[in-house]
Amino acid sequence: VVVLNPEQINLTGGEPLIRPDFCEILEYLRANYKGAITL
C-alpha cells in the first residue's frame, strides 16, 4: 500500500482495537509510511 503513496491511510474494521496485535501493526505502518494515519 505504501508504494501507492496515498495522502492518508485509515485503520478501520470492524473494531480495529480488538486485535491483540493492533499496536504492532500501527507501529510498523508508522515506521514505513510518512503520510497521515487515521483511526
PDB file of all heavy atoms in Angstrom:
ATOM      1  N   VAL A   1       0.822  -1.209   0.000  1.00  0.00           N
ATOM      2  CA  VAL A   1       0.000   0.000   0.000  1.00  0.00           C
ATOM      3  C   VAL A   1       0.859   1.264   0.000  1.00  0.00           C
ATOM      4  O   VAL A   1       0.535   2.244  -0.676  1.00  0.00           O
ATOM      5  CB  VAL A   1      -0.957   0.004   1.211  1.00  0.00           C
ATOM      6  CG1 VAL A   1      -1.630   1.366   1.371  1.00  0.00           C
ATOM      7  CG2 VAL A   1      -2.018  -1.073   1.036  1.00  0.00           C
ATOM      8  N   VAL A   2       1.978   1.248   0.726  1.00  0.00           N
ATOM      9  CA  VAL A   2       2.811   2.452   0.787  1.00  0.00           C
ATOM     10  C   VAL A   2       3.435   2.781  -0.564  1.00  0.00           C
ATOM     11  O   VAL A   2       3.843   3.924  -0.802  1.00  0.00           O
ATOM     12  CB  VAL A   2       3.906   2.328   1.878  1.00  0.00           C
ATOM     13  CG1 VAL A   2       3.294   2.210   3.262  1.00  0.00           C
ATOM     14  CG2 VAL A   2       4.843   1.156   1.595  1.00  0.00           C
ATOM     15  N   VAL A   3       3.503   1.798  -1.463  1.00  0.00           N
ATOM     16  CA  VAL A   3       4.001   2.052  -2.817  1.00  0.00           C
ATOM     17  C   VAL A   3       3.108   3.061  -3.532  1.00  0.00           C
ATOM     18  O   VAL A   3       3.572   3.867  -4.338  1.00  0.00           O
ATOM     19  CB  VAL A   3       4.079   0.730  -3.627  1.00  0.00           C
ATOM     20  CG1 VAL A   3       4.365   1.005  -5.095  1.00  0.00           C
ATOM     21  CG2 VAL A   3       5.156  -0.188  -3.048  1.00  0.00           C
ATOM     22  N   LEU A   4       1.809   3.029  -3.219  1.00  0.00           N
ATOM     23  CA  LEU A   4       0.858   3.958  -3.839  1.00  0.00           C
ATOM     24  C   LEU A   4       1.025   5.376  -3.311  1.00  0.00           C
ATOM     25  O   LEU A   4       0.520   6.325  -3.906  1.00  0.00           O
ATOM     26  CB  LEU A   4      -0.577   3.495  -3.585  1.00  0.00           C
ATOM     27  CG  LEU A   4      -0.943   2.089  -4.055  1.00  0.00           C
ATOM     28  CD1 LEU A   4      -2.404   1.811  -3.745  1.00  0.00           C
ATOM     29  CD2 LEU A   4      -0.664   1.913  -5.537  1.00  0.00           C
ATOM     30  N   ASN A   5       1.694   5.511  -2.172  1.00  0.00           N
ATOM     31  CA  ASN A   5       1.925   6.818  -1.559  1.00  0.00           C
ATOM     32  C   ASN A   5       0.633   7.624  -1.421  1.00  0.00           C
ATOM     33  O   ASN A   5       0.546   8.780  -1.849  1.00  0.00           O
ATOM     34  CB  ASN A   5       2.954   7.613  -2.376  1.00  0.00           C
ATOM     35  CG  ASN A   5       3.445   8.850  -1.632  1.00  0.00           C
ATOM     36  OD1 ASN A   5       3.452   8.887  -0.409  1.00  0.00           O
ATOM     37  ND2 ASN A   5       3.828   9.866  -2.372  1.00  0.00           N
ATOM     38  N   PRO A   6      -0.409   7.034  -0.787  1.00  0.00           N
ATOM     39  CA  PRO A   6      -1.655   7.795  -0.613  1.00  0.00           C
ATOM     40  C   PRO A   6      -1.458   8.921   0.392  1.00  0.00           C
ATOM     41  O   PRO A   6      -0.539   8.881   1.217  1.00  0.00           O
ATOM     42  CB  PRO A   6      -2.624   6.740  -0.073  1.00  0.00           C
ATOM     43  CG  PRO A   6      -1.747   5.767   0.647  1.00  0.00           C
ATOM     44  CD  PRO A   6      -0.469   5.711  -0.145  1.00  0.00           C
ATOM     45  N   GLU A   7      -2.315   9.907   0.326  1.00  0.00           N
ATOM     46  CA  GLU A   7      -2.231  11.009   1.272  1.00  0.00           C
ATOM     47  C   GLU A   7      -2.540  10.541   2.688  1.00  0.00           C
ATOM     48  O   GLU A   7      -2.001  11.064   3.658  1.00  0.00           O
ATOM     49  CB  GLU A   7      -3.208  12.121   0.877  1.00  0.00           C
ATOM     50  CG  GLU A   7      -2.873  12.788  -0.439  1.00  0.00           C
ATOM     51  CD  GLU A   7      -3.872  13.867  -0.806  1.00  0.00           C
ATOM     52  OE1 GLU A   7      -4.636  14.309   0.088  1.00  0.00           O
ATOM     53  OE2 GLU A   7      -3.897  14.277  -1.974  1.00  0.00           O
ATOM     54  N   GLN A   8      -3.414   9.533   2.795  1.00  0.00           N
ATOM     55  CA  GLN A   8      -3.849   9.083   4.119  1.00  0.00           C
ATOM     56  C   GLN A   8      -4.113   7.582   4.104  1.00  0.00           C
ATOM     57  O   GLN A   8      -4.594   7.032   3.113  1.00  0.00           O
ATOM     58  CB  GLN A   8      -5.132   9.826   4.519  1.00  0.00           C
ATOM     59  CG  GLN A   8      -5.709   9.440   5.845  1.00  0.00           C
ATOM     60  CD  GLN A   8      -7.046  10.095   6.122  1.00  0.00           C
ATOM     61  OE1 GLN A   8      -7.863   9.602   6.908  1.00  0.00           O
ATOM     62  NE2 GLN A   8      -7.313  11.230   5.467  1.00  0.00           N
ATOM     63  N   ILE A   9      -3.784   6.915   5.203  1.00  0.00           N
ATOM     64  CA  ILE A   9      -4.142   5.518   5.406  1.00  0.00           C
ATOM     65  C   ILE A   9      -4.987   5.452   6.668  1.00  0.00           C
ATOM     66  O   ILE A   9      -4.583   5.934   7.725  1.00  0.00           O
ATOM     67  CB  ILE A   9      -2.910   4.613   5.525  1.00  0.00           C
ATOM     68  CG1 ILE A   9      -2.149   4.570   4.183  1.00  0.00           C
ATOM     69  CG2 ILE A   9      -3.316   3.194   5.938  1.00  0.00           C
ATOM     70  CD1 ILE A   9      -0.883   3.736   4.213  1.00  0.00           C
ATOM     71  N   ASN A  10      -6.167   4.850   6.534  1.00  0.00           N
ATOM     72  CA  ASN A  10      -7.094   4.761   7.663  1.00  0.00           C
ATOM     73  C   ASN A  10      -7.170   3.323   8.152  1.00  0.00           C
ATOM     74  O   ASN A  10      -7.379   2.396   7.367  1.00  0.00           O
ATOM     75  CB  ASN A  10      -8.484   5.242   7.245  1.00  0.00           C
ATOM     76  CG  ASN A  10      -9.515   5.054   8.345  1.00  0.00           C
ATOM     77  OD1 ASN A  10     -10.230   4.050   8.374  1.00  0.00           O
ATOM     78  ND2 ASN A  10      -9.585   6.001   9.248  1.00  0.00           N
ATOM     79  N   LEU A  11      -6.998   3.134   9.454  1.00  0.00           N
ATOM     80  CA  LEU A  11      -7.136   1.815  10.072  1.00  0.00           C
ATOM     81  C   LEU A  11      -8.558   1.686  10.597  1.00  0.00           C
ATOM     82  O   LEU A  11      -8.998   2.465  11.437  1.00  0.00           O
ATOM     83  CB  LEU A  11      -6.126   1.658  11.204  1.00  0.00           C
ATOM     84  CG  LEU A  11      -4.652   1.805  10.808  1.00  0.00           C
ATOM     85  CD1 LEU A  11      -3.751   1.639  12.013  1.00  0.00           C
ATOM     86  CD2 LEU A  11      -4.269   0.815   9.715  1.00  0.00           C
ATOM     87  N   THR A  12      -9.272   0.701  10.083  1.00  0.00           N
ATOM     88  CA  THR A  12     -10.679   0.569  10.421  1.00  0.00           C
ATOM     89  C   THR A  12     -11.025  -0.893  10.602  1.00  0.00           C
ATOM     90  O   THR A  12     -10.152  -1.752  10.690  1.00  0.00           O
ATOM     91  CB  THR A  12     -11.545   1.252   9.338  1.00  0.00           C
ATOM     92  OG1 THR A  12     -12.914   1.202   9.720  1.00  0.00           O
ATOM     93  CG2 THR A  12     -11.358   0.613   7.974  1.00  0.00           C
ATOM     94  N   GLY A  13     -12.306  -1.220  10.651  1.00  0.00           N
ATOM     95  CA  GLY A  13     -12.736  -2.586  10.847  1.00  0.00           C
ATOM     96  C   GLY A  13     -14.137  -2.778  10.292  1.00  0.00           C
ATOM     97  O   GLY A  13     -14.507  -2.138   9.307  1.00  0.00           O
ATOM     98  N   GLY A  14     -14.931  -3.566  11.046  1.00  0.00           N
ATOM     99  CA  GLY A  14     -14.912  -3.956  12.438  1.00  0.00           C
ATOM    100  C   GLY A  14     -14.365  -2.898  13.384  1.00  0.00           C
ATOM    101  O   GLY A  14     -14.340  -1.726  13.097  1.00  0.00           O
ATOM    102  N   GLU A  15     -13.933  -3.382  14.527  1.00  0.00           N
ATOM    103  CA  GLU A  15     -13.277  -2.535  15.514  1.00  0.00           C
ATOM    104  C   GLU A  15     -11.794  -2.893  15.549  1.00  0.00           C
ATOM    105  O   GLU A  15     -11.417  -3.947  16.065  1.00  0.00           O
ATOM    106  CB  GLU A  15     -13.909  -2.730  16.896  1.00  0.00           C
ATOM    107  CG  GLU A  15     -13.170  -2.036  18.026  1.00  0.00           C
ATOM    108  CD  GLU A  15     -12.896  -0.567  17.743  1.00  0.00           C
ATOM    109  OE1 GLU A  15     -13.848   0.171  17.404  1.00  0.00           O
ATOM    110  OE2 GLU A  15     -11.723  -0.163  17.851  1.00  0.00           O
ATOM    111  N   PRO A  16     -10.929  -2.040  14.968  1.00  0.00           N
ATOM    112  CA  PRO A  16      -9.501  -2.377  14.854  1.00  0.00           C
ATOM    113  C   PRO A  16      -8.805  -2.616  16.195  1.00  0.00           C
ATOM    114  O   PRO A  16      -7.875  -3.416  16.282  1.00  0.00           O
ATOM    115  CB  PRO A  16      -8.909  -1.175  14.123  1.00  0.00           C
ATOM    116  CG  PRO A  16      -9.894  -0.070  14.314  1.00  0.00           C
ATOM    117  CD  PRO A  16     -11.237  -0.726  14.387  1.00  0.00           C
ATOM    118  N   LEU A  17      -9.266  -1.943  17.257  1.00  0.00           N
ATOM    119  CA  LEU A  17      -8.600  -2.083  18.556  1.00  0.00           C
ATOM    120  C   LEU A  17      -8.828  -3.456  19.184  1.00  0.00           C
ATOM    121  O   LEU A  17      -8.180  -3.802  20.173  1.00  0.00           O
ATOM    122  CB  LEU A  17      -9.089  -1.001  19.520  1.00  0.00           C
ATOM    123  CG  LEU A  17      -8.836   0.454  19.107  1.00  0.00           C
ATOM    124  CD1 LEU A  17      -9.263   1.396  20.223  1.00  0.00           C
ATOM    125  CD2 LEU A  17      -7.376   0.677  18.749  1.00  0.00           C
ATOM    126  N   ILE A  18      -9.713  -4.253  18.596  1.00  0.00           N
ATOM    127  CA  ILE A  18      -9.998  -5.573  19.140  1.00  0.00           C
ATOM    128  C   ILE A  18      -8.879  -6.563  18.843  1.00  0.00           C
ATOM    129  O   ILE A  18      -8.751  -7.597  19.505  1.00  0.00           O
ATOM    130  CB  ILE A  18     -11.355  -6.093  18.602  1.00  0.00           C
ATOM    131  CG1 ILE A  18     -12.007  -7.053  19.601  1.00  0.00           C
ATOM    132  CG2 ILE A  18     -11.195  -6.763  17.243  1.00  0.00           C
ATOM    133  CD1 ILE A  18     -13.461  -7.398  19.264  1.00  0.00           C
ATOM    134  N   ARG A  19      -8.041  -6.230  17.854  1.00  0.00           N
ATOM    135  CA  ARG A  19      -6.919  -7.110  17.510  1.00  0.00           C
ATOM    136  C   ARG A  19      -5.824  -6.998  18.568  1.00  0.00           C
ATOM    137  O   ARG A  19      -5.372  -5.888  18.886  1.00  0.00           O
ATOM    138  CB  ARG A  19      -6.327  -6.732  16.148  1.00  0.00           C
ATOM    139  CG  ARG A  19      -7.172  -7.114  14.951  1.00  0.00           C
ATOM    140  CD  ARG A  19      -6.377  -6.902  13.662  1.00  0.00           C
ATOM    141  NE  ARG A  19      -5.261  -7.816  13.557  1.00  0.00           N
ATOM    142  CZ  ARG A  19      -5.135  -8.793  12.665  1.00  0.00           C
ATOM    143  NH1 ARG A  19      -6.108  -8.991  11.795  1.00  0.00           N
ATOM    144  NH2 ARG A  19      -4.069  -9.559  12.634  1.00  0.00           N
ATOM    145  N   PRO A  20      -5.322  -8.119  19.078  1.00  0.00           N
ATOM    146  CA  PRO A  20      -4.239  -8.062  20.065  1.00  0.00           C
ATOM    147  C   PRO A  20      -2.930  -7.525  19.495  1.00  0.00           C
ATOM    148  O   PRO A  20      -2.085  -7.034  20.238  1.00  0.00           O
ATOM    149  CB  PRO A  20      -4.097  -9.522  20.518  1.00  0.00           C
ATOM    150  CG  PRO A  20      -4.714 -10.331  19.431  1.00  0.00           C
ATOM    151  CD  PRO A  20      -5.803  -9.495  18.859  1.00  0.00           C
ATOM    152  N   ASP A  21      -2.773  -7.597  18.163  1.00  0.00           N
ATOM    153  CA  ASP A  21      -1.545  -7.107  17.518  1.00  0.00           C
ATOM    154  C   ASP A  21      -1.732  -5.726  16.903  1.00  0.00           C
ATOM    155  O   ASP A  21      -0.920  -5.294  16.073  1.00  0.00           O
ATOM    156  CB  ASP A  21      -1.074  -8.083  16.445  1.00  0.00           C
ATOM    157  CG  ASP A  21      -2.122  -8.314  15.345  1.00  0.00           C
ATOM    158  OD1 ASP A  21      -3.260  -7.812  15.485  1.00  0.00           O
ATOM    159  OD2 ASP A  21      -1.813  -9.013  14.364  1.00  0.00           O
ATOM    160  N   PHE A  22      -2.796  -5.013  17.294  1.00  0.00           N
ATOM    161  CA  PHE A  22      -3.060  -3.698  16.706  1.00  0.00           C
ATOM    162  C   PHE A  22      -1.866  -2.766  16.843  1.00  0.00           C
ATOM    163  O   PHE A  22      -1.485  -2.082  15.881  1.00  0.00           O
ATOM    164  CB  PHE A  22      -4.292  -3.046  17.346  1.00  0.00           C
ATOM    165  CG  PHE A  22      -4.474  -1.605  16.953  1.00  0.00           C
ATOM    166  CD1 PHE A  22      -5.009  -1.280  15.721  1.00  0.00           C
ATOM    167  CD2 PHE A  22      -4.066  -0.570  17.796  1.00  0.00           C
ATOM    168  CE1 PHE A  22      -5.144   0.051  15.334  1.00  0.00           C
ATOM    169  CE2 PHE A  22      -4.200   0.758  17.422  1.00  0.00           C
ATOM    170  CZ  PHE A  22      -4.743   1.071  16.188  1.00  0.00           C
ATOM    171  N   CYS A  23      -1.260  -2.705  18.017  1.00  0.00           N
ATOM    172  CA  CYS A  23      -0.147  -1.782  18.256  1.00  0.00           C
ATOM    173  C   CYS A  23       1.041  -2.114  17.367  1.00  0.00           C
ATOM    174  O   CYS A  23       1.697  -1.211  16.834  1.00  0.00           O
ATOM    175  CB  CYS A  23       0.265  -1.810  19.726  1.00  0.00           C
ATOM    176  SG  CYS A  23      -0.989  -1.130  20.833  1.00  0.00           S
ATOM    177  N   GLU A  24       1.318  -3.400  17.183  1.00  0.00           N
ATOM    178  CA  GLU A  24       2.438  -3.804  16.332  1.00  0.00           C
ATOM    179  C   GLU A  24       2.189  -3.408  14.880  1.00  0.00           C
ATOM    180  O   GLU A  24       3.093  -2.923  14.189  1.00  0.00           O
ATOM    181  CB  GLU A  24       2.663  -5.313  16.431  1.00  0.00           C
ATOM    182  CG  GLU A  24       3.888  -5.799  15.656  1.00  0.00           C
ATOM    183  CD  GLU A  24       4.177  -7.276  15.833  1.00  0.00           C
ATOM    184  OE1 GLU A  24       3.537  -7.904  16.705  1.00  0.00           O
ATOM    185  OE2 GLU A  24       5.036  -7.802  15.107  1.00  0.00           O
ATOM    186  N   ILE A  25       0.965  -3.600  14.405  1.00  0.00           N
ATOM    187  CA  ILE A  25       0.615  -3.216  13.035  1.00  0.00           C
ATOM    188  C   ILE A  25       0.727  -1.706  12.863  1.00  0.00           C
ATOM    189  O   ILE A  25       1.279  -1.217  11.870  1.00  0.00           O
ATOM    190  CB  ILE A  25      -0.805  -3.702  12.691  1.00  0.00           C
ATOM    191  CG1 ILE A  25      -0.837  -5.237  12.622  1.00  0.00           C
ATOM    192  CG2 ILE A  25      -1.274  -3.101  11.356  1.00  0.00           C
ATOM    193  CD1 ILE A  25      -2.234  -5.810  12.458  1.00  0.00           C
ATOM    194  N   LEU A  26       0.204  -0.958  13.818  1.00  0.00           N
ATOM    195  CA  LEU A  26       0.248   0.502  13.756  1.00  0.00           C
ATOM    196  C   LEU A  26       1.683   1.012  13.740  1.00  0.00           C
ATOM    197  O   LEU A  26       2.032   1.884  12.924  1.00  0.00           O
ATOM    198  CB  LEU A  26      -0.506   1.099  14.943  1.00  0.00           C
ATOM    199  CG  LEU A  26      -0.385   2.619  15.138  1.00  0.00           C
ATOM    200  CD1 LEU A  26      -0.880   3.376  13.910  1.00  0.00           C
ATOM    201  CD2 LEU A  26      -1.148   3.058  16.385  1.00  0.00           C
ATOM    202  N   GLU A  27       2.519   0.493  14.608  1.00  0.00           N
ATOM    203  CA  GLU A  27       3.910   0.956  14.683  1.00  0.00           C
ATOM    204  C   GLU A  27       4.683   0.591  13.417  1.00  0.00           C
ATOM    205  O   GLU A  27       5.540   1.356  12.960  1.00  0.00           O
ATOM    206  CB  GLU A  27       4.584   0.371  15.919  1.00  0.00           C
ATOM    207  CG  GLU A  27       4.052   0.976  17.217  1.00  0.00           C
ATOM    208  CD  GLU A  27       4.644   0.355  18.460  1.00  0.00           C
ATOM    209  OE1 GLU A  27       4.959  -0.854  18.429  1.00  0.00           O
ATOM    210  OE2 GLU A  27       4.805   1.066  19.471  1.00  0.00           O
ATOM    211  N   TYR A  28       4.364  -0.559  12.819  1.00  0.00           N
ATOM    212  CA  TYR A  28       5.014  -0.934  11.552  1.00  0.00           C
ATOM    213  C   TYR A  28       4.602   0.024  10.438  1.00  0.00           C
ATOM    214  O   TYR A  28       5.436   0.457   9.630  1.00  0.00           O
ATOM    215  CB  TYR A  28       4.635  -2.367  11.175  1.00  0.00           C
ATOM    216  CG  TYR A  28       5.343  -2.856   9.927  1.00  0.00           C
ATOM    217  CD1 TYR A  28       6.637  -3.374   9.991  1.00  0.00           C
ATOM    218  CD2 TYR A  28       4.734  -2.790   8.676  1.00  0.00           C
ATOM    219  CE1 TYR A  28       7.297  -3.815   8.845  1.00  0.00           C
ATOM    220  CE2 TYR A  28       5.380  -3.220   7.532  1.00  0.00           C
ATOM    221  CZ  TYR A  28       6.668  -3.738   7.623  1.00  0.00           C
ATOM    222  OH  TYR A  28       7.316  -4.157   6.484  1.00  0.00           O
ATOM    223  N   LEU A  29       3.313   0.361  10.407  1.00  0.00           N
ATOM    224  CA  LEU A  29       2.829   1.311   9.403  1.00  0.00           C
ATOM    225  C   LEU A  29       3.518   2.659   9.559  1.00  0.00           C
ATOM    226  O   LEU A  29       3.983   3.251   8.581  1.00  0.00           O
ATOM    227  CB  LEU A  29       1.313   1.470   9.522  1.00  0.00           C
ATOM    228  CG  LEU A  29       0.658   2.536   8.638  1.00  0.00           C
ATOM    229  CD1 LEU A  29       0.911   2.241   7.164  1.00  0.00           C
ATOM    230  CD2 LEU A  29      -0.835   2.621   8.925  1.00  0.00           C
ATOM    231  N   ARG A  30       3.591   3.152  10.794  1.00  0.00           N
ATOM    232  CA  ARG A  30       4.213   4.457  11.040  1.00  0.00           C
ATOM    233  C   ARG A  30       5.686   4.469  10.633  1.00  0.00           C
ATOM    234  O   ARG A  30       6.184   5.473  10.103  1.00  0.00           O
ATOM    235  CB  ARG A  30       4.077   4.818  12.517  1.00  0.00           C
ATOM    236  CG  ARG A  30       4.677   6.160  12.917  1.00  0.00           C
ATOM    237  CD  ARG A  30       3.808   7.343  12.499  1.00  0.00           C
ATOM    238  NE  ARG A  30       3.801   7.623  11.075  1.00  0.00           N
ATOM    239  CZ  ARG A  30       2.949   8.466  10.501  1.00  0.00           C
ATOM    240  NH1 ARG A  30       2.032   9.090  11.212  1.00  0.00           N
ATOM    241  NH2 ARG A  30       3.000   8.670   9.201  1.00  0.00           N
ATOM    242  N   ALA A  31       6.378   3.368  10.846  1.00  0.00           N
ATOM    243  CA  ALA A  31       7.803   3.298  10.519  1.00  0.00           C
ATOM    244  C   ALA A  31       8.047   3.285   9.016  1.00  0.00           C
ATOM    245  O   ALA A  31       9.132   3.652   8.550  1.00  0.00           O
ATOM    246  CB  ALA A  31       8.425   2.060  11.165  1.00  0.00           C
ATOM    247  N   ASN A  32       7.033   2.885   8.227  1.00  0.00           N
ATOM    248  CA  ASN A  32       7.228   2.731   6.787  1.00  0.00           C
ATOM    249  C   ASN A  32       6.405   3.693   5.942  1.00  0.00           C
ATOM    250  O   ASN A  32       6.442   3.620   4.707  1.00  0.00           O
ATOM    251  CB  ASN A  32       6.888   1.290   6.379  1.00  0.00           C
ATOM    252  CG  ASN A  32       7.864   0.279   6.926  1.00  0.00           C
ATOM    253  OD1 ASN A  32       8.916   0.037   6.325  1.00  0.00           O
ATOM    254  ND2 ASN A  32       7.542  -0.306   8.071  1.00  0.00           N
ATOM    255  N   TYR A  33       5.686   4.599   6.577  1.00  0.00           N
ATOM    256  CA  TYR A  33       4.799   5.499   5.840  1.00  0.00           C
ATOM    257  C   TYR A  33       4.849   6.879   6.472  1.00  0.00           C
ATOM    258  O   TYR A  33       4.707   7.021   7.695  1.00  0.00           O
ATOM    259  CB  TYR A  33       3.377   4.929   5.868  1.00  0.00           C
ATOM    260  CG  TYR A  33       2.306   5.836   5.325  1.00  0.00           C
ATOM    261  CD1 TYR A  33       2.280   6.193   3.978  1.00  0.00           C
ATOM    262  CD2 TYR A  33       1.298   6.323   6.159  1.00  0.00           C
ATOM    263  CE1 TYR A  33       1.279   7.023   3.480  1.00  0.00           C
ATOM    264  CE2 TYR A  33       0.304   7.140   5.675  1.00  0.00           C
ATOM    265  CZ  TYR A  33       0.297   7.487   4.334  1.00  0.00           C
ATOM    266  OH  TYR A  33      -0.687   8.311   3.844  1.00  0.00           O
ATOM    267  N   LYS A  34       5.058   7.902   5.644  1.00  0.00           N
ATOM    268  CA  LYS A  34       5.234   9.267   6.145  1.00  0.00           C
ATOM    269  C   LYS A  34       3.963  10.119   6.059  1.00  0.00           C
ATOM    270  O   LYS A  34       3.940  11.248   6.541  1.00  0.00           O
ATOM    271  CB  LYS A  34       6.367   9.962   5.377  1.00  0.00           C
ATOM    272  CG  LYS A  34       7.695   9.222   5.418  1.00  0.00           C
ATOM    273  CD  LYS A  34       8.165   8.957   6.839  1.00  0.00           C
ATOM    274  CE  LYS A  34       9.495   8.200   6.851  1.00  0.00           C
ATOM    275  NZ  LYS A  34       9.894   7.840   8.238  1.00  0.00           N
ATOM    276  N   GLY A  35       2.919   9.584   5.430  1.00  0.00           N
ATOM    277  CA  GLY A  35       1.688  10.353   5.301  1.00  0.00           C
ATOM    278  C   GLY A  35       0.853  10.316   6.566  1.00  0.00           C
ATOM    279  O   GLY A  35       1.293   9.880   7.630  1.00  0.00           O
ATOM    280  N   ALA A  36      -0.397  10.765   6.447  1.00  0.00           N
ATOM    281  CA  ALA A  36      -1.295  10.835   7.598  1.00  0.00           C
ATOM    282  C   ALA A  36      -1.896   9.461   7.899  1.00  0.00           C
ATOM    283  O   ALA A  36      -2.372   8.767   6.994  1.00  0.00           O
ATOM    284  CB  ALA A  36      -2.407  11.840   7.340  1.00  0.00           C
ATOM    285  N   ILE A  37      -1.865   9.071   9.163  1.00  0.00           N
ATOM    286  CA  ILE A  37      -2.500   7.840   9.624  1.00  0.00           C
ATOM    287  C   ILE A  37      -3.705   8.222  10.478  1.00  0.00           C
ATOM    288  O   ILE A  37      -3.581   9.004  11.422  1.00  0.00           O
ATOM    289  CB  ILE A  37      -1.536   6.971  10.449  1.00  0.00           C
ATOM    290  CG1 ILE A  37      -0.346   6.528   9.579  1.00  0.00           C
ATOM    291  CG2 ILE A  37      -2.258   5.747  11.003  1.00  0.00           C
ATOM    292  CD1 ILE A  37       0.707   5.749  10.348  1.00  0.00           C
ATOM    293  N   THR A  38      -4.860   7.676  10.141  1.00  0.00           N
ATOM    294  CA  THR A  38      -6.063   7.944  10.924  1.00  0.00           C
ATOM    295  C   THR A  38      -6.643   6.626  11.426  1.00  0.00           C
ATOM    296  O   THR A  38      -6.402   5.563  10.852  1.00  0.00           O
ATOM    297  CB  THR A  38      -7.116   8.713  10.110  1.00  0.00           C
ATOM    298  OG1 THR A  38      -7.392   7.986   8.892  1.00  0.00           O
ATOM    299  CG2 THR A  38      -6.620  10.103   9.766  1.00  0.00           C
ATOM    300  N   LEU A  39      -7.415   6.723  12.472  1.00  0.00           N
ATOM    301  CA  LEU A  39      -8.006   5.546  13.110  1.00  0.00           C
ATOM    302  C   LEU A  39      -9.502   5.736  13.246  1.00  0.00           C
ATOM    303  O   LEU A  39      -9.965   6.778  13.714  1.00  0.00           O
ATOM    304  CB  LEU A  39      -7.380   5.342  14.497  1.00  0.00           C
ATOM    305  CG  LEU A  39      -8.043   4.328  15.432  1.00  0.00           C
ATOM    306  CD1 LEU A  39      -7.898   2.912  14.877  1.00  0.00           C
ATOM    307  CD2 LEU A  39      -7.453   4.425  16.833  1.00  0.00           C
TER     308      LEU A  39
END
